[in-house]
């Protein structure tokens, strides 16, 4: 009873409902192109802007810069030339850092990767300065790696390619005309963590002068990913183009990291009084594994392992992945408390239902859809047949045939109801339902 009363007090104090983030807000933000310096007649300056959409959490950011050959790139953004810049962004705040145009003999180019402990919006701006007068500025949002990049193209299209792997990679650049016919293709090699920028005509000089169509960029090795950005260049004018990464499939390592940090960001205000101390400042050790089995687990060594295969199983739904990750974090909370359960009676049979309930509360507060829980369990149940996809040790359960049963899927609606019983329906779940599921029947808990 005391546990329930505690949660009522904490969640009731949170206000309306969980944190929702804008499209493009991420914890890993990739900028495939940087440009700084050059002769006075034509200099470039790069600015990076970050906005923190959270109204309660401060973002802690590390920004790493790499040059064309993949070595750390020392650039001055106002506090000295270095390859690693660290800063914070206040709740609801923003920050802009701008290169100081240190080089006057040549243009220095490269890429940047920012990592944050909570999702941020990021934008890069390129300003061309001629004899101390700004003549043009182009911007692009931070992006993510993709298995295929597609962009409108003319003969002089500007392309930036960045390699986020530690070893050299090659990428295929293909020009396609407006009728869908492939005109030319070339393989472009990029050093580990390196960068290349060029106009399409430099790589494919045989393209017609009036070429208009599209460019497709793919990694040479299937399964690798490409990081790219394009800029329209026509008759001396430059302009931005739509971002070209695929919407799906996505970068699973980036999605796992995003989901994990969003859940941790929501945990302290929910569960701090239950002895588990889940937080961004005291996280469990996240291991993203390339093991081929669909598998995830948490252990008493404070490790949460999520296999890429598990994320791939639920690849079209971050909310499904969020429930599975939250369930493992719930086990970390149980381990840290020294108890089998935190919210349900202390009985071994309640360990998994207790983790489901904690996970549901975390999912709600982090702005994911709790109905994704049933979808996740349903996909695990489907994959747990004769195909052998699911690890027999999934979640350290001795009997995986009961872990993803129809009964557990059917119990998810009750888990949602139980989660909402810990808070005032009018203060938490009711506004959530009105915003996320406004056309559900009145009897639905969310």
Protein backbone atom coordinates (compact mmCIF):
# COMPACT_ATOMS: atom_id res chain seq x y z
CA UNK A 1 0.00 0.00 0.00
CA UNK A 2 2.88 2.34 0.80
CA UNK A 3 4.37 1.67 -2.64
CA UNK A 4 1.12 2.64 -4.33
CA UNK A 5 0.74 5.78 -2.24
CA UNK A 6 4.29 6.82 -3.12
CA UNK A 7 3.66 6.49 -6.84
CA UNK A 8 0.41 8.42 -6.61
CA UNK A 9 2.27 11.29 -5.02
CA UNK A 10 5.20 11.29 -7.42
CA UNK A 11 3.28 10.83 -10.66
CA UNK A 12 0.56 13.23 -9.61
CA UNK A 13 3.22 15.89 -9.18
CA UNK A 14 4.48 15.38 -12.73
CA UNK A 15 1.64 17.35 -14.23
CA UNK A 16 -0.08 16.30 -17.42
CA UNK A 17 1.74 13.37 -19.02
CA UNK A 18 5.01 12.14 -20.45
CA UNK A 19 7.64 13.95 -22.44
CA UNK A 20 7.06 14.01 -26.20
CA UNK A 21 9.83 14.99 -28.61
CA UNK A 22 9.80 16.71 -32.02
CA UNK A 23 10.58 14.83 -35.19
CA UNK A 24 14.33 14.62 -35.60
CA UNK A 25 15.19 15.02 -31.91
CA UNK A 26 17.83 12.42 -31.13
CA UNK A 27 20.61 11.53 -28.73
CA UNK A 28 23.04 10.81 -31.59
CA UNK A 29 23.20 13.70 -34.05
CA UNK A 30 25.30 13.36 -37.20
CA UNK A 31 26.51 16.26 -39.36
CA UNK A 32 28.08 14.88 -42.58
CA UNK A 33 29.80 18.16 -43.50
CA UNK A 34 31.77 20.97 -41.87
CA UNK A 35 33.57 23.81 -43.65
CA UNK A 36 35.80 26.46 -42.11
CA UNK A 37 38.13 29.10 -43.51
CA UNK A 38 39.46 29.85 -46.96
CA UNK A 39 40.82 32.95 -48.76
CA UNK A 40 39.17 36.28 -47.99
CA UNK A 41 37.41 36.28 -51.35
CA UNK A 42 35.51 33.11 -50.47
CA UNK A 43 35.43 31.88 -46.89
CA UNK A 44 33.13 29.36 -45.20
CA UNK A 45 31.89 29.36 -41.63
CA UNK A 46 29.97 26.55 -39.91
CA UNK A 47 27.45 27.05 -37.11
CA UNK A 48 25.83 24.26 -35.09
CA UNK A 49 22.57 24.94 -33.31
CA UNK A 50 21.02 22.70 -30.64
CA UNK A 51 17.58 23.01 -29.07
CA UNK A 52 16.54 21.11 -25.94
CA UNK A 53 12.82 20.21 -26.15
CA UNK A 54 12.71 18.88 -22.57
CA UNK A 55 11.18 21.29 -20.09
CA UNK A 56 12.76 19.58 -17.07
CA UNK A 57 16.12 18.01 -18.04
CA UNK A 58 19.46 19.61 -18.88
CA UNK A 59 21.21 18.09 -21.91
CA UNK A 60 24.89 17.18 -21.60
CA UNK A 61 26.53 17.11 -25.03
CA UNK A 62 29.83 15.90 -26.47
CA UNK A 63 30.68 17.10 -29.98
CA UNK A 64 33.48 15.26 -31.83
CA UNK A 65 35.04 16.59 -35.03
CA UNK A 66 36.84 14.54 -37.69
CA UNK A 67 38.78 15.69 -40.74
CA UNK A 68 38.75 14.33 -44.27
CA UNK A 69 41.19 11.53 -43.46
CA UNK A 70 39.36 10.52 -40.28
CA UNK A 71 41.74 12.07 -37.77
CA UNK A 72 40.44 14.34 -34.97
CA UNK A 73 39.87 17.81 -36.39
CA UNK A 74 40.80 20.77 -34.18
CA UNK A 75 38.44 23.66 -34.85
CA UNK A 76 37.85 26.77 -32.76
CA UNK A 77 34.20 27.37 -31.90
CA UNK A 78 34.99 30.27 -29.59
CA UNK A 79 36.79 28.49 -26.76
CA UNK A 80 39.96 27.25 -28.42
CA UNK A 81 40.82 24.85 -31.21
CA UNK A 82 40.08 21.26 -30.27
CA UNK A 83 38.42 18.13 -31.64
CA UNK A 84 36.15 17.47 -28.63
CA UNK A 85 33.75 20.16 -27.43
CA UNK A 86 31.50 19.65 -24.39
CA UNK A 87 28.59 21.85 -23.32
CA UNK A 88 25.13 21.78 -21.77
CA UNK A 89 21.76 22.95 -23.03
CA UNK A 90 19.29 24.14 -20.39
CA UNK A 91 15.73 22.77 -20.20
CA UNK A 92 13.77 24.42 -22.98
CA UNK A 93 16.95 26.24 -24.00
CA UNK A 94 19.23 26.38 -27.01
CA UNK A 95 22.86 26.97 -27.88
CA UNK A 96 24.69 28.06 -31.04
CA UNK A 97 28.39 27.47 -31.59
CA UNK A 98 30.09 29.08 -34.59
CA UNK A 99 33.48 28.35 -36.11
CA UNK A 100 36.00 31.21 -35.91
CA UNK A 101 37.36 30.94 -39.49
CA UNK A 102 40.85 30.12 -38.29
CA UNK A 103 42.31 29.25 -41.70
CA UNK A 104 42.79 31.93 -44.37
CA UNK A 105 44.80 29.85 -46.84
CA UNK A 106 42.48 26.92 -47.44
CA UNK A 107 39.03 25.58 -46.62
CA UNK A 108 39.10 22.91 -43.92
CA UNK A 109 36.35 20.28 -44.19
CA UNK A 110 35.19 17.30 -42.17
CA UNK A 111 32.27 15.86 -40.22
CA UNK A 112 30.83 16.19 -36.70
CA UNK A 113 29.06 13.74 -34.40
CA UNK A 114 27.23 14.98 -31.30
CA UNK A 115 26.05 12.70 -28.51
CA UNK A 116 23.61 13.83 -25.83
CA UNK A 117 22.09 12.16 -22.80
CA UNK A 118 18.60 13.33 -23.83
CA UNK A 119 17.10 13.99 -27.29
CA UNK A 120 18.05 17.27 -28.96
CA UNK A 121 17.22 18.98 -32.22
CA UNK A 122 20.34 19.85 -34.17
CA UNK A 123 20.95 22.05 -37.21
CA UNK A 124 24.09 22.91 -39.16
CA UNK A 125 24.41 26.22 -41.03
CA UNK A 126 27.02 27.04 -43.67
CA UNK A 127 27.75 30.70 -44.32
CA UNK A 128 29.75 31.87 -47.32
CA UNK A 129 31.64 35.11 -46.68
CA UNK A 130 33.21 37.17 -49.46
CA UNK A 131 35.59 39.93 -48.37
CA UNK A 132 34.00 40.09 -44.90
CA UNK A 133 30.46 40.21 -46.29
CA UNK A 134 28.12 37.24 -45.85
CA UNK A 135 26.70 36.35 -49.24
CA UNK A 136 24.70 33.15 -48.67
CA UNK A 137 23.74 30.71 -45.92
CA UNK A 138 22.41 27.17 -46.21
CA UNK A 139 21.18 24.91 -43.42
CA UNK A 140 20.44 21.23 -42.87
CA UNK A 141 19.08 19.24 -39.91
CA UNK A 142 21.18 16.65 -38.14
CA UNK A 143 20.71 13.27 -39.74
CA UNK A 144 21.12 9.55 -39.08
CA UNK A 145 22.94 6.79 -40.95
CA UNK A 146 20.89 4.96 -43.55
CA UNK A 147 21.17 2.01 -45.91
CA UNK A 148 20.20 4.23 -48.88
CA UNK A 149 20.26 7.98 -49.49
CA UNK A 150 18.11 9.53 -52.23
CA UNK A 151 18.23 13.13 -53.42
CA UNK A 152 17.07 15.26 -56.36
CA UNK A 153 20.10 16.09 -58.49
CA UNK A 154 21.53 18.27 -61.22
CA UNK A 155 24.97 17.91 -62.78
CA UNK A 156 26.58 20.18 -60.19
CA UNK A 157 24.85 18.75 -57.11
CA UNK A 158 27.02 19.14 -54.01
CA UNK A 159 27.48 15.90 -52.05
CA UNK A 160 29.04 15.28 -48.65
CA UNK A 161 29.85 11.70 -47.63
CA UNK A 162 30.95 10.75 -44.12
CA UNK A 163 32.09 7.40 -42.78
CA UNK A 164 31.02 6.67 -39.18
CA UNK A 165 32.99 3.40 -39.03
CA UNK A 166 36.56 3.12 -37.83
CA UNK A 167 37.69 1.36 -41.02
CA UNK A 168 37.65 2.53 -44.62
CA UNK A 169 34.39 2.08 -46.53
CA UNK A 170 33.28 2.57 -50.12
CA UNK A 171 29.96 4.01 -51.26
CA UNK A 172 28.27 3.77 -54.62
CA UNK A 173 27.01 7.04 -56.12
CA UNK A 174 24.51 6.53 -58.96
CA UNK A 175 22.99 9.21 -61.20
CA UNK A 176 19.48 8.49 -62.52
CA UNK A 177 17.74 10.70 -65.07
CA UNK A 178 14.15 11.95 -64.83
CA UNK A 179 12.90 8.90 -66.75
CA UNK A 180 14.39 6.52 -64.20
CA UNK A 181 17.31 5.40 -66.36
CA UNK A 182 20.70 4.94 -64.72
CA UNK A 183 23.25 7.12 -66.54
CA UNK A 184 26.41 6.60 -64.54
CA UNK A 185 27.75 5.19 -61.31
CA UNK A 186 31.01 5.37 -59.38
CA UNK A 187 32.46 3.90 -56.18
CA UNK A 188 33.80 6.47 -53.71
CA UNK A 189 36.16 5.39 -50.93
CA UNK A 190 36.17 7.20 -47.57
CA UNK A 191 38.68 6.68 -44.75
CA UNK A 192 37.54 5.46 -41.34
CA UNK A 193 35.70 8.38 -39.64
CA UNK A 194 36.65 10.33 -42.75
CA UNK A 195 34.79 12.69 -45.06
CA UNK A 196 34.59 13.58 -48.74
CA UNK A 197 32.75 16.46 -50.39
CA UNK A 198 32.45 17.03 -54.13
CA UNK A 199 30.18 18.12 -56.95
CA UNK A 200 28.51 15.30 -58.86
CA UNK A 201 30.15 16.43 -62.11
CA UNK A 202 33.60 15.97 -60.55
CA UNK A 203 32.95 12.27 -60.02
CA UNK A 204 30.79 11.72 -63.11
CA UNK A 205 32.11 14.19 -65.74
CA UNK A 206 30.29 12.42 -68.59
CA UNK A 207 26.88 13.51 -67.31
CA UNK A 208 25.02 15.77 -69.78
CA UNK A 209 25.22 19.49 -69.05
CA UNK A 210 21.43 19.61 -68.68
CA UNK A 211 21.23 16.53 -66.44
CA UNK A 212 18.26 16.61 -64.09
CA UNK A 213 17.12 13.64 -62.06
CA UNK A 214 18.24 12.03 -58.84
CA UNK A 215 21.26 10.56 -57.12
CA UNK A 216 21.23 7.35 -55.10
CA UNK A 217 23.99 6.67 -52.56
CA UNK A 218 24.41 3.20 -51.06
CA UNK A 219 27.19 1.39 -49.17
CA UNK A 220 29.27 -1.05 -51.19
CA UNK A 221 28.74 -3.79 -48.59
CA UNK A 222 25.09 -4.70 -47.86
CA UNK A 223 24.31 -4.11 -44.20
CA UNK A 224 26.68 -1.13 -43.93
CA UNK A 225 25.27 2.37 -43.69
CA UNK A 226 25.92 5.68 -45.37
CA UNK A 227 25.88 9.19 -43.92
CA UNK A 228 25.27 11.84 -46.57
CA UNK A 229 24.03 15.34 -47.27
CA UNK A 230 23.32 17.07 -50.58
CA UNK A 231 23.16 20.70 -51.66
CA UNK A 232 21.57 21.99 -54.85
CA UNK A 233 24.02 23.96 -57.01
CA UNK A 234 22.69 25.58 -60.17
CA UNK A 235 23.90 28.60 -62.18
CA UNK A 236 25.98 29.83 -59.24
CA UNK A 237 23.08 29.57 -56.79
CA UNK A 238 22.93 27.10 -53.90
CA UNK A 239 19.90 25.89 -51.98
CA UNK A 240 19.03 23.13 -49.56
CA UNK A 241 17.24 19.93 -50.55
CA UNK A 242 14.98 17.52 -48.65
CA UNK A 243 16.81 15.15 -46.33
CA UNK A 244 17.31 11.82 -48.10
CA UNK A 245 17.78 9.00 -45.52
CA UNK A 246 15.26 6.17 -45.58
CA UNK A 247 12.46 6.40 -43.04
CA UNK A 248 12.68 2.61 -42.59
CA UNK A 249 14.69 0.47 -42.11
CA UNK A 250 16.55 2.56 -39.58
CA UNK A 251 19.85 2.56 -37.71
CA UNK A 252 19.12 0.12 -34.90
CA UNK A 253 22.08 1.10 -32.72
CA UNK A 254 20.91 4.71 -32.79
CA UNK A 255 17.30 3.76 -32.03
CA UNK A 256 18.28 1.51 -29.11
CA UNK A 257 20.40 4.30 -27.65
CA UNK A 258 17.62 6.84 -28.11
CA UNK A 259 14.99 4.64 -26.44
CA UNK A 260 17.34 3.70 -23.59
CA UNK A 261 18.20 7.31 -22.75
CA UNK A 262 14.61 8.54 -23.03
CA UNK A 263 13.52 5.91 -20.53
CA UNK A 264 16.36 6.72 -18.14
CA UNK A 265 15.49 10.41 -18.38
CA UNK A 266 11.96 9.63 -17.19
CA UNK A 267 12.95 7.20 -14.43
CA UNK A 268 14.12 9.42 -11.53
CA UNK A 269 10.85 11.30 -11.07
CA UNK A 270 8.95 8.03 -11.13
CA UNK A 271 10.94 5.54 -9.15
CA UNK A 272 13.56 7.40 -7.12
CA UNK A 273 11.90 6.53 -3.81
CA UNK A 274 11.89 2.79 -4.43
CA UNK A 275 15.60 2.22 -3.89
CA UNK A 276 16.57 1.57 -7.52
CA UNK A 277 18.17 4.89 -8.45
CA UNK A 278 17.67 4.57 -12.21
CA UNK A 279 18.90 7.76 -13.84
CA UNK A 280 21.00 9.20 -16.64
CA UNK A 281 23.67 9.97 -14.04
CA UNK A 282 23.76 6.40 -12.71
CA UNK A 283 22.82 4.23 -15.69
CA UNK A 284 23.12 0.52 -16.14
CA UNK A 285 25.77 -0.56 -18.61
CA UNK A 286 24.10 -0.74 -22.03
CA UNK A 287 25.51 -3.38 -24.38
CA UNK A 288 24.27 -3.38 -27.97
CA UNK A 289 25.19 -6.78 -29.35
CA UNK A 290 25.37 -8.08 -32.91
CA UNK A 291 24.60 -11.63 -31.76
CA UNK A 292 22.21 -13.17 -34.25
CA UNK A 293 19.62 -14.41 -31.74
CA UNK A 294 16.61 -12.29 -30.80
CA UNK A 295 17.59 -11.66 -27.21
CA UNK A 296 17.69 -9.13 -24.37
CA UNK A 297 18.50 -9.47 -20.70
CA UNK A 298 19.49 -7.62 -17.55
CA UNK A 299 21.73 -9.05 -14.85
CA UNK A 300 22.88 -8.30 -11.32
CA UNK A 301 26.15 -6.93 -12.74
CA UNK A 302 24.15 -3.84 -13.77
CA UNK A 303 24.23 -4.70 -17.48
CA UNK A 304 21.39 -4.42 -19.96
CA UNK A 305 22.08 -6.19 -23.24
CA UNK A 306 19.88 -5.55 -26.26
CA UNK A 307 20.67 -7.55 -29.38
CA UNK A 308 20.34 -5.79 -32.71
CA UNK A 309 18.24 -8.77 -33.81
CA UNK A 310 15.61 -7.86 -31.21
CA UNK A 311 15.40 -4.28 -32.48
CA UNK A 312 15.16 -5.62 -36.02
CA UNK A 313 12.22 -7.82 -35.02
CA UNK A 314 10.26 -4.73 -33.91
CA UNK A 315 11.99 -2.47 -36.42
CA UNK A 316 8.96 -0.43 -37.45
CA UNK A 317 7.92 0.55 -33.91
CA UNK A 318 10.02 2.47 -31.38
CA UNK A 319 7.21 2.05 -28.82
CA UNK A 320 7.48 -1.74 -29.04
CA UNK A 321 11.23 -1.52 -28.57
CA UNK A 322 10.74 0.93 -25.68
CA UNK A 323 8.63 -1.57 -23.73
CA UNK A 324 11.23 -4.32 -24.16
CA UNK A 325 14.09 -2.04 -23.06
CA UNK A 326 11.99 -0.67 -20.17
CA UNK A 327 11.30 -4.23 -19.01
CA UNK A 328 15.05 -4.87 -18.74
CA UNK A 329 15.56 -1.57 -16.91
CA UNK A 330 12.84 -2.67 -14.51
CA UNK A 331 14.94 -5.72 -13.69
CA UNK A 332 17.91 -3.42 -12.98
CA UNK A 333 15.62 -1.52 -10.61
CA UNK A 334 14.72 -4.78 -8.88
CA UNK A 335 18.39 -5.80 -8.56
CA UNK A 336 19.36 -2.41 -7.15
CA UNK A 337 16.56 -2.48 -4.59
CA UNK A 338 17.59 -5.93 -3.37
CA UNK A 339 14.00 -7.13 -3.76
CA UNK A 340 12.30 -9.47 -6.21
CA UNK A 341 9.57 -6.91 -6.86
CA UNK A 342 8.97 -3.19 -6.38
CA UNK A 343 5.24 -2.68 -6.97
CA UNK A 344 3.65 -6.10 -6.57
CA UNK A 345 3.79 -8.48 -3.58
CA UNK A 346 7.29 -9.87 -3.03
CA UNK A 347 6.85 -13.28 -4.63
CA UNK A 348 9.05 -14.97 -7.27
CA UNK A 349 5.98 -15.50 -9.42
CA UNK A 350 5.47 -11.73 -9.53
CA UNK A 351 8.95 -10.82 -10.76
CA UNK A 352 8.06 -10.62 -14.47
CA UNK A 353 4.60 -9.03 -13.99
CA UNK A 354 6.26 -6.48 -11.68
CA UNK A 355 8.81 -5.68 -14.40
CA UNK A 356 5.97 -5.32 -16.92
CA UNK A 357 4.21 -2.83 -14.65
CA UNK A 358 7.34 -0.77 -14.03
CA UNK A 359 8.05 -0.84 -17.77
CA UNK A 360 4.55 0.36 -18.58
CA UNK A 361 4.93 3.35 -16.25
CA UNK A 362 8.34 4.19 -17.76
CA UNK A 363 6.98 3.90 -21.30
CA UNK A 364 4.08 6.22 -20.51
CA UNK A 365 6.26 8.83 -18.86
CA UNK A 366 8.85 8.80 -21.67
CA UNK A 367 6.23 9.54 -24.32
CA UNK A 368 5.95 6.13 -25.98
CA UNK A 369 2.69 4.34 -26.76
CA UNK A 370 1.98 1.69 -24.07
CA UNK A 371 -0.07 -0.37 -26.53
CA UNK A 372 3.26 -1.17 -28.18
CA UNK A 373 3.83 -3.67 -25.34
CA UNK A 374 1.32 -6.14 -26.77
CA UNK A 375 2.79 -5.73 -30.24
CA UNK A 376 6.29 -6.46 -28.94
CA UNK A 377 5.20 -9.57 -27.04
CA UNK A 378 3.13 -10.70 -30.02
CA UNK A 379 6.12 -10.49 -32.36
CA UNK A 380 8.26 -12.39 -29.85
CA UNK A 381 5.55 -15.04 -29.61
CA UNK A 382 5.43 -15.33 -33.39
CA UNK A 383 9.21 -15.64 -33.65
CA UNK A 384 9.42 -18.10 -30.77
CA UNK A 385 8.09 -21.01 -32.85
CA UNK A 386 10.14 -23.48 -34.83
CA UNK A 387 12.17 -20.80 -36.59
CA UNK A 388 14.69 -20.67 -33.75
CA UNK A 389 14.97 -16.89 -33.94
CA UNK A 390 14.44 -16.23 -30.24
CA UNK A 391 17.19 -17.13 -27.80
CA UNK A 392 16.15 -19.92 -25.40
CA UNK A 393 17.64 -17.77 -22.64
CA UNK A 394 15.62 -14.66 -23.44
CA UNK A 395 15.33 -12.48 -20.33
CA UNK A 396 16.91 -15.24 -18.22
CA UNK A 397 13.60 -17.12 -18.19
CA UNK A 398 13.77 -20.88 -17.73
CA UNK A 399 10.61 -21.47 -19.74
CA UNK A 400 10.45 -19.14 -22.73
CA UNK A 401 7.26 -20.80 -23.99
CA UNK A 402 5.35 -19.01 -21.22
CA UNK A 403 7.22 -15.73 -21.55
CA UNK A 404 5.46 -14.62 -24.73
CA UNK A 405 2.17 -16.46 -24.45
CA UNK A 406 -1.25 -15.25 -25.55
CA UNK A 407 -2.16 -14.86 -21.90
CA UNK A 408 0.65 -12.37 -21.40
CA UNK A 409 -0.38 -10.45 -24.49
CA UNK A 410 -3.95 -10.32 -23.22
CA UNK A 411 -2.72 -9.13 -19.82
CA UNK A 412 -1.24 -5.95 -21.28
CA UNK A 413 -4.54 -4.06 -21.19
CA UNK A 414 -4.74 -4.89 -17.50
CA UNK A 415 -1.16 -3.69 -17.02
CA UNK A 416 -2.06 -0.36 -18.64
CA UNK A 417 -5.08 -0.11 -16.33
CA UNK A 418 -2.92 -0.91 -13.31
CA UNK A 419 -0.38 1.71 -14.33
CA UNK A 420 -3.13 4.32 -14.58
CA UNK A 421 -4.47 3.31 -11.17
CA UNK A 422 -1.28 4.66 -9.64
CA UNK A 423 -2.16 8.19 -10.73
CA UNK A 424 -5.18 10.43 -11.01
CA UNK A 425 -6.92 9.57 -14.26
CA UNK A 426 -7.76 13.22 -14.81
CA UNK A 427 -4.22 14.34 -14.04
CA UNK A 428 -2.26 11.87 -16.12
CA UNK A 429 -3.89 9.12 -18.15
CA UNK A 430 -6.94 11.12 -19.22
CA UNK A 431 -4.92 13.89 -20.93
CA UNK A 432 -2.68 11.24 -22.49
CA UNK A 433 -5.70 9.43 -23.89
CA UNK A 434 -7.21 12.67 -25.19
CA UNK A 435 -4.01 13.51 -27.04
CA UNK A 436 -2.78 10.13 -28.27
CA UNK A 437 -5.95 8.03 -28.55
CA UNK A 438 -8.82 10.53 -28.88
CA UNK A 439 -11.01 8.14 -30.91
CA UNK A 440 -10.80 5.19 -28.53
CA UNK A 441 -13.98 4.22 -26.66
CA UNK A 442 -14.49 5.80 -23.27
CA UNK A 443 -13.96 2.45 -21.52
CA UNK A 444 -10.37 2.15 -22.77
CA UNK A 445 -7.76 2.98 -20.11
CA UNK A 446 -5.70 4.99 -22.61
